[in-house]
Amino acid sequence: MLELADGMVEVRIGDEGGKISLNLAFEPLLRNFFTVLGLPEPQVRTMVDSIQDWRMQGATRACTGPKALTT
């Protein structure tokens, strides 16, 4: 904590190496991640498809992602 005239400031430095980039992660990594978290398979599929939908431009869609619900 750093005390300034107008208040307090907290600065944290952390390793970014352990984070998963939703923009770059391949499907198996995402699937394994959500499975390890304990999500049931249908929800794992929806989460992975939703991330893939988010990354795709236009009307292209994954099977159970949000774009599939709009058609």
PDB file of N, CA and C in Angstrom:
ATOM      1  N   MET A   1       0.845  -1.174   0.000  1.00  0.00           N
ATOM      2  CA  MET A   1       0.000   0.000   0.000  1.00  0.00           C
ATOM      3  C   MET A   1       0.890   1.237   0.000  1.00  0.00           C
ATOM      4  N   LEU A   2       0.463   2.190  -0.728  1.00  0.00           N
ATOM      5  CA  LEU A   2       1.190   3.448  -0.821  1.00  0.00           C
ATOM      6  C   LEU A   2       0.212   4.562  -0.469  1.00  0.00           C
ATOM      7  N   GLU A   3       0.567   5.345   0.500  1.00  0.00           N
ATOM      8  CA  GLU A   3      -0.318   6.420   0.921  1.00  0.00           C
ATOM      9  C   GLU A   3       0.058   7.698   0.181  1.00  0.00           C
ATOM     10  N   LEU A   4      -0.934   8.272  -0.501  1.00  0.00           N
ATOM     11  CA  LEU A   4      -0.760   9.540  -1.204  1.00  0.00           C
ATOM     12  C   LEU A   4      -1.600  10.607  -0.504  1.00  0.00           C
ATOM     13  N   ALA A   5      -1.434  11.843  -0.902  1.00  0.00           N
ATOM     14  CA  ALA A   5      -2.167  12.938  -0.274  1.00  0.00           C
ATOM     15  C   ALA A   5      -3.687  12.766  -0.409  1.00  0.00           C
ATOM     16  N   ASP A   6      -4.137  12.217  -1.549  1.00  0.00           N
ATOM     17  CA  ASP A   6      -5.573  12.076  -1.801  1.00  0.00           C
ATOM     18  C   ASP A   6      -6.127  10.694  -1.481  1.00  0.00           C
ATOM     19  N   GLY A   7      -5.300   9.783  -1.015  1.00  0.00           N
ATOM     20  CA  GLY A   7      -5.803   8.440  -0.705  1.00  0.00           C
ATOM     21  C   GLY A   7      -4.708   7.397  -0.750  1.00  0.00           C
ATOM     22  N   MET A   8      -5.138   6.133  -0.774  1.00  0.00           N
ATOM     23  CA  MET A   8      -4.220   4.999  -0.775  1.00  0.00           C
ATOM     24  C   MET A   8      -4.196   4.351  -2.159  1.00  0.00           C
ATOM     25  N   VAL A   9      -3.046   3.788  -2.520  1.00  0.00           N
ATOM     26  CA  VAL A   9      -2.881   3.071  -3.781  1.00  0.00           C
ATOM     27  C   VAL A   9      -2.284   1.706  -3.472  1.00  0.00           C
ATOM     28  N   GLU A  10      -2.844   0.678  -4.078  1.00  0.00           N
ATOM     29  CA  GLU A  10      -2.300  -0.664  -3.944  1.00  0.00           C
ATOM     30  C   GLU A  10      -1.827  -1.129  -5.308  1.00  0.00           C
ATOM     31  N   VAL A  11      -0.604  -1.616  -5.395  1.00  0.00           N
ATOM     32  CA  VAL A  11      -0.027  -2.101  -6.642  1.00  0.00           C
ATOM     33  C   VAL A  11       0.304  -3.571  -6.466  1.00  0.00           C
ATOM     34  N   ARG A  12      -0.108  -4.387  -7.433  1.00  0.00           N
ATOM     35  CA  ARG A  12       0.198  -5.821  -7.404  1.00  0.00           C
ATOM     36  C   ARG A  12       0.871  -6.203  -8.707  1.00  0.00           C
ATOM     37  N   ILE A  13       1.851  -7.056  -8.609  1.00  0.00           N
ATOM     38  CA  ILE A  13       2.528  -7.592  -9.783  1.00  0.00           C
ATOM     39  C   ILE A  13       2.364  -9.101  -9.728  1.00  0.00           C
ATOM     40  N   GLY A  14       1.885  -9.680 -10.813  1.00  0.00           N
ATOM     41  CA  GLY A  14       1.652 -11.121 -10.832  1.00  0.00           C
ATOM     42  C   GLY A  14       2.104 -11.741 -12.139  1.00  0.00           C
ATOM     43  N   ASP A  15       2.361 -13.030 -12.091  1.00  0.00           N
ATOM     44  CA  ASP A  15       2.766 -13.799 -13.259  1.00  0.00           C
ATOM     45  C   ASP A  15       1.543 -14.089 -14.125  1.00  0.00           C
ATOM     46  N   GLU A  16       1.584 -13.701 -15.370  1.00  0.00           N
ATOM     47  CA  GLU A  16       0.473 -13.921 -16.295  1.00  0.00           C
ATOM     48  C   GLU A  16       0.589 -15.276 -16.996  1.00  0.00           C
ATOM     49  N   GLY A  17       1.671 -15.998 -16.756  1.00  0.00           N
ATOM     50  CA  GLY A  17       1.931 -17.247 -17.463  1.00  0.00           C
ATOM     51  C   GLY A  17       0.915 -18.339 -17.207  1.00  0.00           C
ATOM     52  N   GLY A  18       0.241 -18.329 -16.078  1.00  0.00           N
ATOM     53  CA  GLY A  18      -0.715 -19.368 -15.752  1.00  0.00           C
ATOM     54  C   GLY A  18      -2.127 -19.089 -16.224  1.00  0.00           C
ATOM     55  N   LYS A  19      -2.330 -17.973 -16.868  1.00  0.00           N
ATOM     56  CA  LYS A  19      -3.683 -17.627 -17.319  1.00  0.00           C
ATOM     57  C   LYS A  19      -3.975 -18.261 -18.679  1.00  0.00           C
ATOM     58  N   ILE A  20      -5.254 -18.494 -18.937  1.00  0.00           N
ATOM     59  CA  ILE A  20      -5.687 -19.028 -20.223  1.00  0.00           C
ATOM     60  C   ILE A  20      -6.256 -17.880 -21.046  1.00  0.00           C
ATOM     61  N   SER A  21      -5.716 -17.678 -22.233  1.00  0.00           N
ATOM     62  CA  SER A  21      -6.236 -16.648 -23.132  1.00  0.00           C
ATOM     63  C   SER A  21      -7.461 -17.191 -23.853  1.00  0.00           C
ATOM     64  N   LEU A  22      -8.618 -16.593 -23.608  1.00  0.00           N
ATOM     65  CA  LEU A  22      -9.835 -17.044 -24.287  1.00  0.00           C
ATOM     66  C   LEU A  22      -9.767 -16.792 -25.788  1.00  0.00           C
ATOM     67  N   ASN A  23      -8.914 -15.872 -26.210  1.00  0.00           N
ATOM     68  CA  ASN A  23      -8.761 -15.574 -27.631  1.00  0.00           C
ATOM     69  C   ASN A  23      -7.901 -16.603 -28.355  1.00  0.00           C
ATOM     70  N   LEU A  24      -7.047 -17.319 -27.615  1.00  0.00           N
ATOM     71  CA  LEU A  24      -6.079 -18.201 -28.256  1.00  0.00           C
ATOM     72  C   LEU A  24      -6.194 -19.668 -27.876  1.00  0.00           C
ATOM     73  N   ALA A  25      -6.871 -19.988 -26.783  1.00  0.00           N
ATOM     74  CA  ALA A  25      -6.906 -21.362 -26.279  1.00  0.00           C
ATOM     75  C   ALA A  25      -7.617 -22.295 -27.258  1.00  0.00           C
ATOM     76  N   PHE A  26      -7.005 -23.460 -27.474  1.00  0.00           N
ATOM     77  CA  PHE A  26      -7.613 -24.471 -28.331  1.00  0.00           C
ATOM     78  C   PHE A  26      -8.744 -25.181 -27.583  1.00  0.00           C
ATOM     79  N   GLU A  27      -9.648 -25.784 -28.346  1.00  0.00           N
ATOM     80  CA  GLU A  27     -10.820 -26.441 -27.763  1.00  0.00           C
ATOM     81  C   GLU A  27     -10.472 -27.480 -26.692  1.00  0.00           C
ATOM     82  N   PRO A  28      -9.467 -28.357 -26.907  1.00  0.00           N
ATOM     83  CA  PRO A  28      -9.172 -29.349 -25.854  1.00  0.00           C
ATOM     84  C   PRO A  28      -8.770 -28.709 -24.519  1.00  0.00           C
ATOM     85  N   LEU A  29      -8.020 -27.623 -24.559  1.00  0.00           N
ATOM     86  CA  LEU A  29      -7.635 -26.948 -23.323  1.00  0.00           C
ATOM     87  C   LEU A  29      -8.863 -26.391 -22.607  1.00  0.00           C
ATOM     88  N   LEU A  30      -9.750 -25.741 -23.347  1.00  0.00           N
ATOM     89  CA  LEU A  30     -10.966 -25.192 -22.750  1.00  0.00           C
ATOM     90  C   LEU A  30     -11.838 -26.310 -22.182  1.00  0.00           C
ATOM     91  N   ARG A  31     -11.993 -27.390 -22.951  1.00  0.00           N
ATOM     92  CA  ARG A  31     -12.820 -28.514 -22.507  1.00  0.00           C
ATOM     93  C   ARG A  31     -12.259 -29.114 -21.218  1.00  0.00           C
ATOM     94  N   ASN A  32     -10.946 -29.338 -21.179  1.00  0.00           N
ATOM     95  CA  ASN A  32     -10.317 -29.892 -19.974  1.00  0.00           C
ATOM     96  C   ASN A  32     -10.453 -28.951 -18.788  1.00  0.00           C
ATOM     97  N   PHE A  33     -10.297 -27.667 -19.028  1.00  0.00           N
ATOM     98  CA  PHE A  33     -10.401 -26.680 -17.955  1.00  0.00           C
ATOM     99  C   PHE A  33     -11.776 -26.739 -17.293  1.00  0.00           C
ATOM    100  N   PHE A  34     -12.839 -26.682 -18.098  1.00  0.00           N
ATOM    101  CA  PHE A  34     -14.185 -26.690 -17.536  1.00  0.00           C
ATOM    102  C   PHE A  34     -14.537 -28.039 -16.918  1.00  0.00           C
ATOM    103  N   THR A  35     -13.984 -29.128 -17.471  1.00  0.00           N
ATOM    104  CA  THR A  35     -14.208 -30.453 -16.903  1.00  0.00           C
ATOM    105  C   THR A  35     -13.563 -30.562 -15.525  1.00  0.00           C
ATOM    106  N   VAL A  36     -12.334 -30.066 -15.400  1.00  0.00           N
ATOM    107  CA  VAL A  36     -11.631 -30.098 -14.111  1.00  0.00           C
ATOM    108  C   VAL A  36     -12.365 -29.251 -13.071  1.00  0.00           C
ATOM    109  N   LEU A  37     -13.027 -28.196 -13.509  1.00  0.00           N
ATOM    110  CA  LEU A  37     -13.813 -27.377 -12.586  1.00  0.00           C
ATOM    111  C   LEU A  37     -15.060 -28.113 -12.081  1.00  0.00           C
ATOM    112  N   GLY A  38     -15.379 -29.239 -12.723  1.00  0.00           N
ATOM    113  CA  GLY A  38     -16.505 -30.044 -12.261  1.00  0.00           C
ATOM    114  C   GLY A  38     -17.818 -29.767 -12.970  1.00  0.00           C
ATOM    115  N   LEU A  39     -17.785 -29.035 -14.088  1.00  0.00           N
ATOM    116  CA  LEU A  39     -19.025 -28.774 -14.811  1.00  0.00           C
ATOM    117  C   LEU A  39     -19.493 -30.051 -15.495  1.00  0.00           C
ATOM    118  N   PRO A  40     -20.809 -30.274 -15.564  1.00  0.00           N
ATOM    119  CA  PRO A  40     -21.330 -31.433 -16.290  1.00  0.00           C
ATOM    120  C   PRO A  40     -21.071 -31.275 -17.792  1.00  0.00           C
ATOM    121  N   GLU A  41     -20.963 -32.394 -18.499  1.00  0.00           N
ATOM    122  CA  GLU A  41     -20.597 -32.374 -19.923  1.00  0.00           C
ATOM    123  C   GLU A  41     -21.458 -31.433 -20.769  1.00  0.00           C
ATOM    124  N   PRO A  42     -22.787 -31.411 -20.620  1.00  0.00           N
ATOM    125  CA  PRO A  42     -23.569 -30.474 -21.446  1.00  0.00           C
ATOM    126  C   PRO A  42     -23.167 -29.009 -21.210  1.00  0.00           C
ATOM    127  N   GLN A  43     -22.862 -28.667 -19.975  1.00  0.00           N
ATOM    128  CA  GLN A  43     -22.455 -27.295 -19.674  1.00  0.00           C
ATOM    129  C   GLN A  43     -21.051 -27.012 -20.197  1.00  0.00           C
ATOM    130  N   VAL A  44     -20.163 -28.012 -20.139  1.00  0.00           N
ATOM    131  CA  VAL A  44     -18.816 -27.864 -20.708  1.00  0.00           C
ATOM    132  C   VAL A  44     -18.934 -27.555 -22.200  1.00  0.00           C
ATOM    133  N   ARG A  45     -19.771 -28.325 -22.895  1.00  0.00           N
ATOM    134  CA  ARG A  45     -19.974 -28.127 -24.327  1.00  0.00           C
ATOM    135  C   ARG A  45     -20.502 -26.727 -24.616  1.00  0.00           C
ATOM    136  N   THR A  46     -21.465 -26.277 -23.822  1.00  0.00           N
ATOM    137  CA  THR A  46     -22.031 -24.942 -24.021  1.00  0.00           C
ATOM    138  C   THR A  46     -20.993 -23.857 -23.775  1.00  0.00           C
ATOM    139  N   MET A  47     -20.195 -24.007 -22.723  1.00  0.00           N
ATOM    140  CA  MET A  47     -19.164 -23.000 -22.416  1.00  0.00           C
ATOM    141  C   MET A  47     -18.128 -22.918 -23.537  1.00  0.00           C
ATOM    142  N   VAL A  48     -17.648 -24.083 -23.991  1.00  0.00           N
ATOM    143  CA  VAL A  48     -16.632 -24.099 -25.051  1.00  0.00           C
ATOM    144  C   VAL A  48     -17.211 -23.528 -26.343  1.00  0.00           C
ATOM    145  N   ASP A  49     -18.418 -23.948 -26.712  1.00  0.00           N
ATOM    146  CA  ASP A  49     -19.051 -23.428 -27.929  1.00  0.00           C
ATOM    147  C   ASP A  49     -19.308 -21.928 -27.827  1.00  0.00           C
ATOM    148  N   SER A  50     -19.677 -21.455 -26.649  1.00  0.00           N
ATOM    149  CA  SER A  50     -19.921 -20.017 -26.457  1.00  0.00           C
ATOM    150  C   SER A  50     -18.645 -19.219 -26.654  1.00  0.00           C
ATOM    151  N   ILE A  51     -17.535 -19.722 -26.148  1.00  0.00           N
ATOM    152  CA  ILE A  51     -16.247 -19.031 -26.334  1.00  0.00           C
ATOM    153  C   ILE A  51     -15.868 -19.046 -27.805  1.00  0.00           C
ATOM    154  N   GLN A  52     -16.067 -20.179 -28.472  1.00  0.00           N
ATOM    155  CA  GLN A  52     -15.748 -20.241 -29.900  1.00  0.00           C
ATOM    156  C   GLN A  52     -16.643 -19.304 -30.706  1.00  0.00           C
ATOM    157  N   ASP A  53     -17.930 -19.235 -30.363  1.00  0.00           N
ATOM    158  CA  ASP A  53     -18.833 -18.290 -31.027  1.00  0.00           C
ATOM    159  C   ASP A  53     -18.351 -16.858 -30.853  1.00  0.00           C
ATOM    160  N   TRP A  54     -17.936 -16.525 -29.652  1.00  0.00           N
ATOM    161  CA  TRP A  54     -17.472 -15.175 -29.342  1.00  0.00           C
ATOM    162  C   TRP A  54     -16.264 -14.811 -30.201  1.00  0.00           C
ATOM    163  N   ARG A  55     -15.397 -15.807 -30.488  1.00  0.00           N
ATOM    164  CA  ARG A  55     -14.192 -15.545 -31.273  1.00  0.00           C
ATOM    165  C   ARG A  55     -14.465 -15.490 -32.761  1.00  0.00           C
ATOM    166  N   MET A  56     -15.570 -16.093 -33.224  1.00  0.00           N
ATOM    167  CA  MET A  56     -15.879 -16.141 -34.662  1.00  0.00           C
ATOM    168  C   MET A  56     -16.637 -14.892 -35.089  1.00  0.00           C
ATOM    169  N   GLN A  57     -16.289 -14.410 -36.266  1.00  0.00           N
ATOM    170  CA  GLN A  57     -17.008 -13.250 -36.799  1.00  0.00           C
ATOM    171  C   GLN A  57     -18.205 -13.725 -37.614  1.00  0.00           C
ATOM    172  N   GLY A  58     -19.168 -12.861 -37.746  1.00  0.00           N
ATOM    173  CA  GLY A  58     -20.313 -13.148 -38.592  1.00  0.00           C
ATOM    174  C   GLY A  58     -21.274 -14.160 -38.007  1.00  0.00           C
ATOM    175  N   ALA A  59     -21.998 -14.832 -38.889  1.00  0.00           N
ATOM    176  CA  ALA A  59     -23.061 -15.745 -38.465  1.00  0.00           C
ATOM    177  C   ALA A  59     -22.559 -17.154 -38.201  1.00  0.00           C
ATOM    178  N   THR A  60     -21.277 -17.431 -38.496  1.00  0.00           N
ATOM    179  CA  THR A  60     -20.734 -18.760 -38.215  1.00  0.00           C
ATOM    180  C   THR A  60     -20.923 -19.050 -36.738  1.00  0.00           C
ATOM    181  N   ARG A  61     -21.329 -20.296 -36.438  1.00  0.00           N
ATOM    182  CA  ARG A  61     -21.619 -20.596 -35.043  1.00  0.00           C
ATOM    183  C   ARG A  61     -21.166 -21.997 -34.664  1.00  0.00           C
ATOM    184  N   ALA A  62     -20.918 -22.167 -33.395  1.00  0.00           N
ATOM    185  CA  ALA A  62     -20.647 -23.490 -32.836  1.00  0.00           C
ATOM    186  C   ALA A  62     -21.984 -24.125 -32.450  1.00  0.00           C
ATOM    187  N   CYS A  63     -22.003 -25.433 -32.275  1.00  0.00           N
ATOM    188  CA  CYS A  63     -23.259 -26.190 -32.084  1.00  0.00           C
ATOM    189  C   CYS A  63     -24.158 -25.673 -30.971  1.00  0.00           C
ATOM    190  N   THR A  64     -23.620 -25.452 -29.793  1.00  0.00           N
ATOM    191  CA  THR A  64     -24.469 -25.058 -28.664  1.00  0.00           C
ATOM    192  C   THR A  64     -24.146 -23.659 -28.142  1.00  0.00           C
ATOM    193  N   GLY A  65     -23.429 -22.884 -28.920  1.00  0.00           N
ATOM    194  CA  GLY A  65     -23.102 -21.523 -28.510  1.00  0.00           C
ATOM    195  C   GLY A  65     -24.298 -20.602 -28.644  1.00  0.00           C
ATOM    196  N   PRO A  66     -24.167 -19.356 -28.200  1.00  0.00           N
ATOM    197  CA  PRO A  66     -25.291 -18.417 -28.226  1.00  0.00           C
ATOM    198  C   PRO A  66     -25.795 -18.102 -29.626  1.00  0.00           C
ATOM    199  N   LYS A  67     -24.933 -18.150 -30.636  1.00  0.00           N
ATOM    200  CA  LYS A  67     -25.397 -17.873 -31.993  1.00  0.00           C
ATOM    201  C   LYS A  67     -26.353 -18.969 -32.469  1.00  0.00           C
ATOM    202  N   ALA A  68     -26.206 -20.187 -31.951  1.00  0.00           N
ATOM    203  CA  ALA A  68     -27.101 -21.292 -32.323  1.00  0.00           C
ATOM    204  C   ALA A  68     -28.519 -21.013 -31.834  1.00  0.00           C
ATOM    205  N   LEU A  69     -28.668 -20.242 -30.783  1.00  0.00           N
ATOM    206  CA  LEU A  69     -29.980 -19.943 -30.221  1.00  0.00           C
ATOM    207  C   LEU A  69     -30.741 -18.894 -31.030  1.00  0.00           C
ATOM    208  N   THR A  70     -30.037 -18.169 -31.894  1.00  0.00           N
ATOM    209  CA  THR A  70     -30.675 -17.078 -32.630  1.00  0.00           C
ATOM    210  C   THR A  70     -31.155 -17.489 -34.000  1.00  0.00           C
ATOM    211  N   THR A  71     -30.938 -18.751 -34.382  1.00  0.00           N
ATOM    212  CA  THR A  71     -31.379 -19.174 -35.712  1.00  0.00           C
ATOM    213  C   THR A  71     -32.444 -20.214 -35.623  1.00  0.00           C
TER     214      THR A  71
END
